[in-house]
Amino acid sequence: MTFEPESSASAWVDLSRYDQSGFDRGRPTGLILLWWLVQAVIFPLTLHNMSGVRCWLLRLFGAKVGRRVVVRPSARFTYPWKVTIGDYCWLGDDVVLYSLDRIEIGAHAVVSQKCYLCTGSHDLRDRRFSLQTAPIRIGPGAWLATDCFVGLGVTIGANTVVGARSSVYRDLPPGKIAWGNPAQVYRDRVMNEE
């Protein structure tokens, strides 16, 4: 069976003209393929408590990873050499760092399970569907709860909490609690006295 589009409709984009030749992956193709193999085979085979091994592998491939960082075996990094993770961070199960551009995660930040940090998209006004990238910055002490999406170019301020299943398309200021799609700030984050 062949798909027959509506006769009055035509595509506004021409994917035959798509061109990524100007995009810099940051490493030679062979090293990229080696990383993808290591991530697909070795990461999942490491035990739950072997974050040190996973952090070592990330460093080996160019990531800047701080002390005592927890990275779960199912976390995914497109290009680790474009990632910086501060001391004492936690990255949960099934986290995806789609690092076509820089991703910086400040010290003591938590990126919970199934979060997706997306530094790449496409220009919806361009008939060639050209690639766009912009860095993502997660401030120190921030917490992205389960299944958050963070779009390209976003900065999440220090100590800000983003509620579960939120989508963040704009910067969030420091010390706030935000949630929703799109995420909105609802109140200040106040800490208990010690």
Protein backbone atom coordinates (compact mmCIF):
# COMPACT_ATOMS: atom_id res chain seq x y z
CA MET A 1 0.00 0.00 0.00
CA THR A 2 1.34 3.41 -0.93
CA PHE A 3 0.70 6.56 1.04
CA GLU A 4 -1.09 9.10 -1.12
CA PRO A 5 -1.03 12.59 0.38
CA GLU A 6 -3.91 14.96 -0.10
CA SER A 7 -3.68 16.54 -3.52
CA SER A 8 -4.00 20.06 -2.12
CA ALA A 9 -1.27 19.55 0.48
CA SER A 10 2.43 19.84 -0.13
CA ALA A 11 5.37 19.72 2.23
CA TRP A 12 6.74 23.06 3.30
CA VAL A 13 10.13 21.51 3.91
CA ASP A 14 12.42 19.76 1.46
CA LEU A 15 14.41 17.18 3.41
CA SER A 16 16.37 16.25 0.27
CA ARG A 17 18.18 19.57 0.83
CA TYR A 18 19.00 18.88 4.51
CA ASP A 19 22.69 19.46 5.20
CA GLN A 20 24.64 18.99 8.43
CA SER A 21 28.05 19.63 6.91
CA GLY A 22 28.53 22.75 9.05
CA PHE A 23 27.85 20.91 12.32
CA ASP A 24 30.92 20.08 14.42
CA ARG A 25 30.55 16.89 16.47
CA GLY A 26 33.80 17.72 18.22
CA ARG A 27 35.60 14.42 17.56
CA PRO A 28 36.46 12.20 14.58
CA THR A 29 33.80 9.74 13.39
CA GLY A 30 35.78 6.70 14.58
CA LEU A 31 35.94 8.00 18.15
CA ILE A 32 32.23 8.84 18.09
CA LEU A 33 31.40 5.29 16.99
CA LEU A 34 33.70 3.88 19.69
CA TRP A 35 31.91 5.98 22.33
CA TRP A 36 28.51 4.78 21.14
CA LEU A 37 29.73 1.17 21.36
CA VAL A 38 31.12 1.68 24.88
CA GLN A 39 27.88 3.35 25.97
CA ALA A 40 25.71 0.61 24.43
CA VAL A 41 27.71 -2.34 25.77
CA ILE A 42 29.75 -1.39 28.85
CA PHE A 43 27.48 1.15 30.58
CA PRO A 44 24.51 -1.25 30.90
CA LEU A 45 26.73 -4.06 32.17
CA THR A 46 28.08 -2.06 35.10
CA LEU A 47 26.39 -2.66 38.42
CA HIS A 48 24.17 -0.06 40.06
CA ASN A 49 26.87 1.06 42.51
CA MET A 50 29.63 1.37 39.89
CA SER A 51 29.20 5.08 39.15
CA GLY A 52 32.94 5.52 39.51
CA VAL A 53 33.53 3.29 36.48
CA ARG A 54 30.92 5.13 34.43
CA CYS A 55 32.39 8.52 35.42
CA TRP A 56 35.85 7.25 34.50
CA LEU A 57 34.55 6.22 31.06
CA LEU A 58 32.93 9.62 30.59
CA ARG A 59 36.20 11.35 31.52
CA LEU A 60 38.12 9.03 29.18
CA PHE A 61 35.94 10.32 26.33
CA GLY A 62 36.39 13.98 27.30
CA ALA A 63 33.57 14.81 29.74
CA LYS A 64 34.44 17.00 32.71
CA VAL A 65 33.03 15.12 35.70
CA GLY A 66 33.42 16.25 39.31
CA ARG A 67 33.92 14.25 42.50
CA ARG A 68 31.40 11.71 43.85
CA VAL A 69 29.04 12.01 40.88
CA VAL A 70 26.33 9.36 40.54
CA VAL A 71 25.49 8.31 36.98
CA ARG A 72 23.05 5.42 36.53
CA PRO A 73 23.87 2.66 34.00
CA SER A 74 21.01 3.59 31.65
CA ALA A 75 21.96 7.30 31.37
CA ARG A 76 22.83 8.34 27.80
CA PHE A 77 25.26 10.96 26.49
CA THR A 78 25.38 11.81 22.78
CA TYR A 79 28.79 13.51 22.87
CA PRO A 80 30.35 13.33 26.37
CA TRP A 81 33.14 15.77 25.43
CA LYS A 82 30.47 18.49 25.36
CA VAL A 83 29.31 17.76 28.94
CA THR A 84 30.44 19.21 32.29
CA ILE A 85 29.05 17.75 35.54
CA GLY A 86 29.88 19.36 38.89
CA ASP A 87 30.77 17.64 42.17
CA TYR A 88 28.16 15.48 43.94
CA CYS A 89 25.61 15.49 41.10
CA TRP A 90 23.11 12.69 40.52
CA LEU A 91 21.93 11.59 37.07
CA GLY A 92 19.09 9.06 37.23
CA ASP A 93 17.99 6.09 35.15
CA ASP A 94 17.17 6.74 31.49
CA VAL A 95 18.40 10.35 31.59
CA VAL A 96 19.34 11.54 28.09
CA LEU A 97 21.88 14.30 27.54
CA TYR A 98 21.43 15.08 23.85
CA SER A 99 24.64 17.05 23.82
CA LEU A 100 24.94 18.44 20.31
CA ASP A 101 26.02 21.61 22.15
CA ARG A 102 27.43 22.17 25.65
CA ILE A 103 25.56 20.90 28.71
CA GLU A 104 26.77 22.19 32.08
CA ILE A 105 25.35 20.80 35.31
CA GLY A 106 26.37 22.61 38.50
CA ALA A 107 27.53 20.95 41.73
CA HIS A 108 24.94 19.15 43.88
CA ALA A 109 22.32 19.20 41.09
CA VAL A 110 19.93 16.29 40.54
CA VAL A 111 18.67 15.25 37.11
CA SER A 112 16.07 12.60 37.92
CA GLN A 113 15.10 9.54 35.90
CA LYS A 114 13.84 9.94 32.34
CA CYS A 115 14.79 13.61 32.04
CA TYR A 116 15.77 14.73 28.53
CA LEU A 117 18.18 17.63 28.05
CA CYS A 118 17.96 18.60 24.37
CA THR A 119 20.54 21.01 22.93
CA GLY A 120 19.43 20.51 19.33
CA SER A 121 16.40 21.21 17.17
CA HIS A 122 15.57 22.42 13.68
CA ASP A 123 14.60 25.77 12.19
CA LEU A 124 10.88 25.41 11.50
CA ARG A 125 10.96 28.40 9.13
CA ASP A 126 13.73 26.98 6.95
CA ARG A 127 12.70 24.80 4.00
CA ARG A 128 15.97 22.86 4.47
CA PHE A 129 15.05 22.08 8.14
CA SER A 130 18.49 23.30 9.24
CA LEU A 131 19.94 22.15 12.53
CA GLN A 132 20.03 24.58 15.45
CA THR A 133 21.95 24.07 18.68
CA ALA A 134 22.37 26.04 21.90
CA PRO A 135 23.86 25.13 25.30
CA ILE A 136 21.92 24.13 28.41
CA ARG A 137 23.00 25.17 31.90
CA ILE A 138 21.64 23.64 35.11
CA GLY A 139 22.64 25.67 38.18
CA PRO A 140 24.19 24.28 41.36
CA GLY A 141 21.68 22.65 43.71
CA ALA A 142 18.92 22.54 41.09
CA TRP A 143 16.61 19.53 40.93
CA LEU A 144 14.88 18.34 37.78
CA ALA A 145 12.23 15.87 38.96
CA THR A 146 11.16 12.81 36.97
CA ASP A 147 10.67 13.00 33.21
CA CYS A 148 11.41 16.70 32.61
CA PHE A 149 12.24 18.04 29.17
CA VAL A 150 14.72 20.94 28.93
CA GLY A 151 15.00 22.65 25.55
CA LEU A 152 17.99 24.17 23.82
CA GLY A 153 19.43 27.42 25.15
CA VAL A 154 17.77 27.11 28.57
CA THR A 155 19.43 28.08 31.86
CA ILE A 156 17.89 26.78 35.07
CA GLY A 157 19.00 28.89 38.01
CA ALA A 158 20.84 27.65 41.08
CA ASN A 159 18.68 25.78 43.61
CA THR A 160 15.58 25.83 41.41
CA VAL A 161 13.25 22.81 41.45
CA VAL A 162 11.39 21.75 38.31
CA GLY A 163 8.38 19.52 38.98
CA ALA A 164 7.88 16.09 37.43
CA ARG A 165 6.94 15.89 33.74
CA SER A 166 7.53 19.58 33.16
CA SER A 167 8.80 21.05 29.90
CA VAL A 168 11.22 23.96 30.19
CA TYR A 169 11.60 26.17 27.11
CA ARG A 170 12.72 29.42 28.80
CA ASP A 171 15.23 30.30 31.50
CA LEU A 172 14.15 29.84 35.11
CA PRO A 173 15.55 32.14 37.83
CA PRO A 174 17.45 30.86 40.88
CA GLY A 175 15.75 29.60 44.04
CA LYS A 176 12.29 28.95 42.58
CA ILE A 177 9.84 26.05 42.27
CA ALA A 178 8.39 25.64 38.78
CA TRP A 179 6.26 23.08 36.98
CA GLY A 180 3.98 22.60 34.01
CA ASN A 181 4.09 22.57 30.24
CA PRO A 182 5.49 25.06 29.65
CA ALA A 183 7.07 25.31 33.10
CA GLN A 184 6.11 28.39 35.10
CA VAL A 185 7.44 29.65 38.43
CA TYR A 186 4.88 29.22 41.22
CA ARG A 187 6.83 30.05 44.37
CA ASP A 188 10.21 30.50 46.04
CA ARG A 189 12.16 27.49 47.26
CA VAL A 190 12.64 27.83 51.01
CA MET A 191 14.98 25.50 52.89
CA ASN A 192 14.44 24.16 56.42
CA GLU A 193 16.72 25.47 59.15
CA GLU A 194 19.37 23.00 60.33
